[in-house]
Structure formats: C-alpha cells, structure tokens
Protein backbone atom coordinates (compact mmCIF):
# COMPACT_ATOMS: atom_id res chain seq x y z
CA MET A 1 18.50 -6.74 72.52
CA LYS A 2 18.16 -7.02 68.88
CA LYS A 3 19.45 -5.12 66.64
CA GLU A 4 16.80 -3.05 63.57
CA ILE A 5 18.51 -2.39 60.15
CA PRO A 6 18.81 1.55 59.85
CA ALA A 7 15.72 2.12 57.48
CA GLN A 8 18.26 4.40 55.82
CA LEU A 9 19.88 1.53 54.99
CA ILE A 10 17.03 -0.44 53.26
CA VAL A 11 15.84 2.60 50.92
CA GLY A 12 19.55 2.46 50.13
CA VAL A 13 19.61 -1.12 49.16
CA SER A 14 16.58 -0.41 47.38
CA ILE A 15 17.68 2.00 45.13
CA LEU A 16 20.39 0.13 44.26
CA PHE A 17 18.99 -3.14 43.95
CA LEU A 18 16.37 -1.72 41.41
CA GLY A 19 18.70 0.96 39.64
CA GLY A 20 20.42 -2.25 38.91
CA ALA A 21 17.32 -3.92 37.55
CA PHE A 22 15.98 -1.48 35.11
CA LEU A 23 20.14 -0.84 34.22
CA GLY A 24 19.85 -4.53 32.86
CA VAL A 25 16.24 -4.81 31.53
CA GLU A 26 17.53 -0.93 29.61
CA PHE A 27 20.38 -3.43 28.64
CA VAL A 28 18.25 -6.24 27.05
CA TRP A 29 16.51 -3.80 25.65
CA VAL A 30 18.49 -1.94 24.01
CA ARG A 31 20.34 -5.34 22.45
CA LEU A 32 17.24 -6.61 21.37
CA ALA A 33 14.95 -4.00 20.04
CA PRO A 34 16.65 -3.56 16.69
CA ALA A 35 15.89 -7.55 16.18
CA HIS A 36 12.64 -6.72 16.97
CA LYS A 37 11.63 -4.11 15.47
CA ALA A 38 13.34 -5.87 12.14
CA HIS A 39 11.34 -8.59 12.50
CA VAL A 40 7.50 -6.55 13.00
CA ALA A 41 8.81 -4.82 10.01
CA ASP A 42 9.19 -8.25 7.79
CA GLU A 43 6.27 -9.34 9.15
CA THR A 44 4.56 -5.76 8.07
CA LEU A 45 5.43 -5.96 4.84
CA LYS A 46 5.13 -9.85 3.51
CA LEU A 47 3.22 -9.86 0.44
CA LEU A 48 -0.05 -12.17 0.59
CA PRO A 49 -1.57 -13.07 -2.71
CA PHE A 50 -4.77 -11.41 -4.01
CA HIS A 51 -7.02 -12.63 -6.79
CA SER A 52 -10.64 -11.13 -7.70
CA ASP A 53 -12.16 -12.11 -10.74
CA ALA A 54 -15.05 -9.82 -10.35
CA LEU A 55 -12.69 -7.18 -9.94
CA GLY A 56 -10.72 -7.99 -12.70
CA VAL A 57 -7.50 -7.43 -9.97
CA ASP A 58 -4.40 -10.15 -9.16
CA MET A 59 -2.30 -8.49 -6.50
CA GLN A 60 -0.20 -9.17 -3.48
CA VAL A 61 -0.97 -7.71 -0.37
CA ALA A 62 0.93 -6.79 2.78
CA ALA A 63 0.38 -8.25 5.76
CA GLY A 64 0.14 -5.52 7.99
CA PHE A 65 -3.38 -5.10 6.25
CA TYR A 66 -4.26 -8.47 5.49
CA GLY A 67 -7.26 -9.40 8.13
CA LYS A 68 -10.38 -9.46 7.43
CA VAL A 69 -11.94 -8.74 3.84
CA GLU A 70 -15.12 -7.70 3.24
CA THR A 71 -16.63 -7.61 -0.21
CA PHE A 72 -19.27 -5.34 -1.85
CA PRO A 73 -20.70 -4.30 -5.42
CA GLY A 74 -17.90 -3.47 -7.53
CA GLY A 75 -15.15 -3.32 -4.44
CA ALA A 76 -13.50 -5.78 -1.91
CA LYS A 77 -12.08 -3.88 1.74
CA ILE A 78 -9.42 -5.85 3.11
CA LEU A 79 -8.22 -4.59 6.97
CA MET A 80 -6.20 -5.07 9.82
CA PRO A 81 -8.44 -4.15 13.12
CA ARG A 82 -6.53 -2.88 15.98
CA PHE A 83 -7.22 -3.19 19.75
CA LEU A 84 -6.60 0.41 20.37
CA GLY A 85 -6.98 3.01 17.50
CA THR A 86 -7.85 3.24 13.84
CA ALA A 87 -7.33 0.15 11.61
CA SER A 88 -5.10 0.28 8.77
CA THR A 89 -7.42 -0.39 5.39
CA LEU A 90 -6.80 -1.07 1.60
CA THR A 91 -9.81 -0.72 -0.67
CA ILE A 92 -10.48 -1.95 -4.16
CA THR A 93 -12.82 -0.73 -6.65
CA SER A 94 -12.99 -1.57 -10.25
CA GLU A 95 -15.19 0.13 -12.84
CA PRO A 96 -15.00 -1.01 -16.74
CA ASN A 97 -13.16 1.42 -19.02
CA PRO A 98 -16.12 3.00 -21.70
CA ASP A 99 -13.78 4.39 -23.91
CA HIS A 100 -10.95 1.94 -23.87
CA SER A 101 -8.04 4.69 -23.31
CA THR A 102 -4.92 3.45 -22.10
CA GLU A 103 -4.54 6.79 -20.05
CA PHE A 104 -6.27 9.37 -18.59
CA SER A 105 -7.53 12.54 -19.76
CA PRO A 106 -5.31 15.71 -19.17
CA GLN A 107 -8.74 17.16 -17.36
CA ASP A 108 -8.73 14.55 -14.62
CA LEU A 109 -4.72 14.58 -14.55
CA ALA A 110 -4.87 18.56 -13.79
CA VAL A 111 -7.54 18.24 -11.30
CA TRP A 112 -5.67 15.68 -9.78
CA GLU A 113 -2.76 17.54 -9.53
CA THR A 114 -3.87 20.88 -8.36
CA ASP A 115 -6.38 19.32 -5.57
CA GLY A 116 -3.82 19.49 -2.72
CA VAL A 117 -3.73 23.39 -3.37
CA THR A 118 -7.55 24.03 -4.30
CA LYS A 119 -8.73 21.60 -1.53
CA ASN A 120 -5.87 22.50 0.74
CA ILE A 121 -4.87 19.42 1.70
CA PRO A 122 -1.78 18.35 3.84
CA ARG A 123 1.39 16.51 2.78
CA TYR A 124 -0.38 16.17 -0.37
CA HIS A 125 1.90 14.39 -3.45
CA PHE A 126 0.72 13.94 -6.99
CA ASP A 127 2.48 11.11 -9.27
CA VAL A 128 1.75 9.91 -12.60
CA THR A 129 3.79 7.13 -13.14
CA LYS A 130 3.10 3.25 -14.43
CA ILE A 131 2.15 0.03 -12.82
CA ASN A 132 2.99 -3.28 -14.01
CA ASP A 133 3.30 -1.50 -17.81
CA LEU A 134 -0.04 0.19 -17.05
CA ASN A 135 -0.74 3.98 -16.73
CA ALA A 136 -1.01 4.64 -13.58
CA VAL A 137 -1.37 8.00 -11.02
CA LEU A 138 0.00 8.35 -7.28
CA ILE A 139 -1.66 10.59 -4.98
CA GLN A 140 -0.38 10.48 -0.57
CA GLN A 141 -1.90 12.87 1.30
CA LEU A 142 -2.86 13.37 5.25
CA MET A 143 -6.15 12.38 6.40
CA VAL A 144 -7.31 12.73 9.85
CA HIS A 145 -6.51 9.04 10.83
CA GLY A 146 -2.65 8.47 9.36
CA MET A 147 -1.96 9.15 5.78
CA LEU A 148 -3.87 7.93 2.21
CA LEU A 149 -1.95 6.89 -0.91
CA THR A 150 -4.59 6.14 -3.70
CA ALA A 151 -3.32 4.62 -6.79
CA ARG A 152 -5.27 4.61 -9.88
CA VAL A 153 -4.45 1.94 -12.47
CA ILE A 154 -5.94 2.32 -16.12
CA SER A 155 -5.85 -0.28 -18.94
CA PRO A 156 -8.70 -0.87 -22.05
CA GLU A 157 -10.76 -2.92 -20.25
CA HIS A 158 -10.91 -1.29 -16.38
CA ILE A 159 -10.05 1.44 -14.46
CA VAL A 160 -8.94 0.04 -10.78
CA VAL A 161 -8.36 2.37 -7.60
CA ALA A 162 -6.98 1.11 -4.51
CA ASN A 163 -7.06 3.47 -1.27
CA CYS A 164 -4.83 2.08 1.41
CA SER A 165 -5.06 3.97 4.59
CA THR A 166 -2.05 3.75 7.45
CA GLY A 167 -4.52 3.89 10.04
CA SER A 168 -3.24 4.73 13.60
CA GLY A 169 -0.18 2.54 13.33
CA ASP A 170 3.23 3.13 12.63
CA GLN A 171 2.72 5.65 9.93
CA VAL A 172 6.46 5.02 8.08
CA LEU A 173 6.27 1.15 7.97
CA LEU A 174 2.67 1.25 6.87
CA MET A 175 3.16 3.29 4.53
CA GLU A 176 5.73 1.81 2.89
CA ALA A 177 3.56 -1.70 2.92
CA CYS A 178 1.28 0.60 1.05
CA ASP A 179 3.40 1.82 -1.96
CA GLU A 180 4.95 -2.03 -2.17
CA THR A 181 1.17 -3.24 -2.25
CA VAL A 182 -0.32 -0.89 -4.73
CA HIS A 183 2.93 -1.24 -7.54
CA THR A 184 2.23 -5.11 -7.61
CA ILE A 185 -1.63 -4.51 -9.18
CA LYS A 186 -2.14 -6.45 -11.78
CA LEU A 187 -5.31 -5.96 -13.79
CA LEU A 188 -6.74 -8.93 -15.83
CA GLY A 189 -7.32 -9.29 -19.12
CA SER A 190 -5.18 -6.68 -20.09
CA GLU A 191 -2.24 -5.87 -22.67
CA PRO A 192 -0.04 -3.46 -21.51
CA ALA A 193 0.57 -0.52 -24.01
CA GLY A 194 3.32 -1.36 -26.32
CA ASN A 195 3.33 -4.94 -25.56
CA THR A 196 0.12 -6.04 -28.28
CA PRO A 197 2.14 -8.51 -31.14
CA PRO A 198 1.71 -6.46 -34.34
CA ARG A 199 -1.21 -7.48 -36.27
CA LEU A 200 -0.27 -9.52 -39.31
CA GLU A 201 -1.95 -8.52 -42.31
CA GLU A 202 -2.67 -10.82 -45.42
CA VAL A 203 -1.11 -8.93 -48.51
CA PRO A 204 -2.76 -10.00 -52.04
CA GLU A 205 -0.72 -11.66 -54.38
CA PRO A 206 0.23 -9.32 -57.57
CA SER A 207 -1.83 -10.16 -60.12
CA GLN A 208 -0.59 -11.36 -63.47
CA SER A 209 -1.48 -9.62 -66.42
CA ALA A 210 -1.92 -11.60 -69.28
CA PRO A 211 0.86 -11.55 -71.94
CA LYS A 212 0.31 -9.18 -74.81
C-alpha cells in the first residue's frame, strides 16, 4: 500500500522553500540596491545642453527633466512624462529688461522674501545669490504635486525665469537636479557686472603755448 505524504510535511517544506527563496532575493537586493540607486542618481543628474537664441539662454538641463520640449511665445517647457503620477518639468521664460538694470529692485526683493508668510506657502525659502556672475533669486516652495524651485536671473538685456518642478518623482533627487540645472543658466549677450573692460578715453594732448 502506497504511503501518502503528510500534509503537514508538505506545508513545512513549502514554508522552508519559500522562506529560503525570499531570503535569497532579499540578500541579492540588499547587495544590488545601493549600486542601482547610485546608477539612477547618476542618470538623473547627467547634464545635457539646451540652447535657445529666441530666449537668449544657454544652459545644461538634468536628464531627469529632459524629455519632451514644447515652445511657446517667450518661453519653452521641458518635461519628462511619467507612466504614473505627475511629470517633472522645467519651464523657462525670457523677457527684455526695459531699464537695463543689473539688480532686481528692492521692492521686488521685499515681495518675494515675504511671500512665504503673506501667502502662507509651506516650505518656502528665499535666497539672493549669483548665477554665472549675474544677480539671481532662488525661491523654493511646496506645491500640490511636489516641490518647485524658481530661479530669476537678471542681466542688462534679459530677465529669465526658470520654474523647475519635481512632480511626483523622487523629491530629494529631483530637487538636486533642479538646483544643478538652474545654476548653469547663462544669458546670451550679457556681460556680468564688474567684468566689463574699462573704456579707454582719448586724452587730448596739452596745447603748446607760443613762446613769449
């Protein structure tokens, strides 16, 4: 008479097999996860060139945003669509600087600095800085779909605004990508303040008076 294998033994062996397989997968993943994470970070932060004569901008854009490019009057939008969630985007607009100033007005700076309080914007941070030797303002804030980093750069010819949104992706990694991207902004045809070579003026020769 053929003996039947006890059900308890089958269940026990199955548990041991599945548990061992799970531990093996976990071990492999723990070993490979750091390398995979580093590879994703490197690919996301890789800088790719973006140039626009129409906007007067030359810059490097992190690959984490560099997908589809849409242009519109006075601007361009670069976005990386996602299968699930909100896309990460970089929107660049440019306008002429009518008074050819090299600094933002104190009134504008005061408004941007206090917007976080007056408008009750969460995780708001304002900073005055320089980007490629041009005066700039950086504003970081929390939006409905992730973080937003806004860079305003001014030159005598242009005022450029770059809005970088993380979307629903990795907030820490994409904010780093935003920061590295906006710090590469160069405005075409602009001479940074203080780098303009001194003008040479002709000095008339002293007139020689006739001898008495």
